Structure formats: structure tokens, C-alpha cells
Protein backbone atom coordinates (compact mmCIF):
# COMPACT_ATOMS: atom_id res chain seq x y z
CA UNK A 1 122.69 89.55 98.43
CA UNK A 2 119.12 90.80 98.43
CA UNK A 3 116.45 91.83 100.93
CA UNK A 4 112.71 92.33 101.09
CA UNK A 5 111.67 95.59 102.77
CA UNK A 6 108.30 97.08 103.61
CA UNK A 7 107.51 100.77 103.12
CA UNK A 8 104.34 102.62 102.24
CA UNK A 9 102.23 99.51 102.80
CA UNK A 10 104.06 97.65 100.02
CA UNK A 11 106.92 95.16 99.89
CA UNK A 12 109.97 95.57 97.64
CA UNK A 13 112.74 93.14 96.65
CA UNK A 14 115.96 95.18 96.69
CA UNK A 15 119.66 94.67 95.97
CA UNK A 16 122.63 96.95 96.54
CA UNK A 17 123.00 99.56 93.80
CA UNK A 18 119.37 99.20 92.66
CA UNK A 19 117.05 102.19 92.07
CA UNK A 20 113.43 101.80 93.16
CA UNK A 21 110.33 104.01 93.07
CA UNK A 22 108.40 103.90 96.34
CA UNK A 23 105.51 105.79 97.88
CA UNK A 24 106.47 109.36 98.72
CA UNK A 25 108.53 109.77 101.88
CA UNK A 26 109.80 112.93 103.57
CA UNK A 27 113.26 114.11 102.62
CA UNK A 28 115.21 116.05 100.04
CA UNK A 29 117.41 114.70 97.23
CA UNK A 30 120.80 113.64 98.57
CA UNK A 31 119.53 112.76 102.07
CA UNK A 32 120.07 109.29 103.50
CA UNK A 33 117.08 107.14 104.38
CA UNK A 34 117.03 104.00 106.55
CA UNK A 35 114.49 101.19 106.10
CA UNK A 36 114.24 99.18 109.32
CA UNK A 37 111.25 97.04 108.35
CA UNK A 38 113.22 94.19 106.79
CA UNK A 39 111.24 91.01 106.17
CA UNK A 40 113.94 88.80 104.63
CA UNK A 41 117.67 88.87 103.90
CA UNK A 42 119.34 86.29 101.67
CA UNK A 43 122.81 85.75 100.29
CA UNK A 44 124.49 82.79 98.55
CA UNK A 45 124.40 80.34 101.43
CA UNK A 46 121.89 81.52 104.04
CA UNK A 47 118.42 83.01 104.32
CA UNK A 48 117.02 84.89 107.33
CA UNK A 49 113.27 85.33 107.64
CA UNK A 50 111.67 87.68 110.16
CA UNK A 51 108.58 87.12 112.29
CA UNK A 52 107.39 89.60 110.94
CA UNK A 53 110.55 91.78 110.88
CA UNK A 54 114.24 91.04 111.40
CA UNK A 55 115.77 92.70 114.45
CA UNK A 56 119.17 94.32 114.04
CA UNK A 57 119.01 94.52 110.24
CA UNK A 58 118.32 97.53 108.04
CA UNK A 59 118.68 98.79 104.49
CA UNK A 60 120.32 102.14 103.79
CA UNK A 61 119.42 104.24 100.77
CA UNK A 62 119.75 107.70 99.30
CA UNK A 63 116.89 109.82 97.95
CA UNK A 64 117.48 110.69 94.30
CA UNK A 65 114.31 112.59 93.44
CA UNK A 66 110.64 113.08 94.23
CA UNK A 67 108.05 113.37 91.50
CA UNK A 68 104.69 112.34 90.16
CA UNK A 69 103.95 109.31 88.02
CA UNK A 70 102.14 109.34 84.68
CA UNK A 71 98.45 110.14 84.74
CA UNK A 72 96.04 107.25 85.26
CA UNK A 73 92.56 107.77 83.81
CA UNK A 74 89.60 106.62 85.94
CA UNK A 75 86.48 106.37 83.77
CA UNK A 76 83.09 105.28 85.13
CA UNK A 77 80.25 104.48 82.76
CA UNK A 78 76.70 103.16 83.06
CA UNK A 79 75.07 102.23 79.82
CA UNK A 80 71.56 103.46 78.85
CA UNK A 81 71.56 106.17 81.56
CA UNK A 82 73.95 108.82 80.15
CA UNK A 83 76.21 108.39 83.18
CA UNK A 84 79.87 109.13 82.45
CA UNK A 85 82.60 110.35 84.80
CA UNK A 86 86.23 110.86 83.85
CA UNK A 87 88.94 111.62 86.39
CA UNK A 88 92.72 111.61 86.26
CA UNK A 89 95.16 110.80 89.05
CA UNK A 90 98.93 111.28 89.37
CA UNK A 91 100.55 109.46 92.29
CA UNK A 92 103.54 110.96 94.14
CA UNK A 93 106.68 108.83 94.33
CA UNK A 94 110.22 108.99 95.68
CA UNK A 95 113.11 107.40 93.76
CA UNK A 96 115.67 105.81 96.09
CA UNK A 97 119.05 104.22 95.39
CA UNK A 98 119.87 101.29 97.70
CA UNK A 99 123.41 101.71 99.07
CA UNK A 100 123.87 99.03 101.71
CA UNK A 101 122.08 96.02 103.17
CA UNK A 102 123.21 95.34 106.73
């Protein structure tokens, strides 16, 4: 059984027991989190698709940790004009373990 959920403006394909990194959400490690924006749920013999979301379905998870991803370098350059800018960015994330799809 798997589901497609939406959080942080992105969509994720999740299964029970899976660990995913999503955009940072509020909460401490060990707290339960509930994703109610479920777009699709599928198992072996049936598929349910929402318009846009499924009513009465949700995905439960547990926050494992919050951290920052590796640094991404943003470098802008214009040739022949001595224009160079270098910036780094580290995006916050939350790692979540999916416990139950219901």
C-alpha cells in the first residue's frame, strides 16, 4: 500500500515504514505528525484518487530529526565585466518516519 501526500508545496510518494525528508515543519523529535492532504491511495486491487484531496484519509508519521541539508553553492558570473557573486545556502528539513496510512 502506498499514498501520495502533499506538504511544503511538494508531493511525496510514501509507504509504511519509509523515512522521508520534507520541508521543515514544527515539532520536536518523537512527536506524531498527521498529513491530511492525501492525493492518492493505492493497494493491490484498488486505487482512490482525490479531487484534489481524499476526504477521510490521512497519513500518520513520527518526527525523527530536524536539520539542515548540505550546502548548495549559487554562483553568478558575467564574462568581460568582472562580475562574480558567490553565495551558499543550506535548506532546513525534517526527517519523518511514516507509521500508518489510513
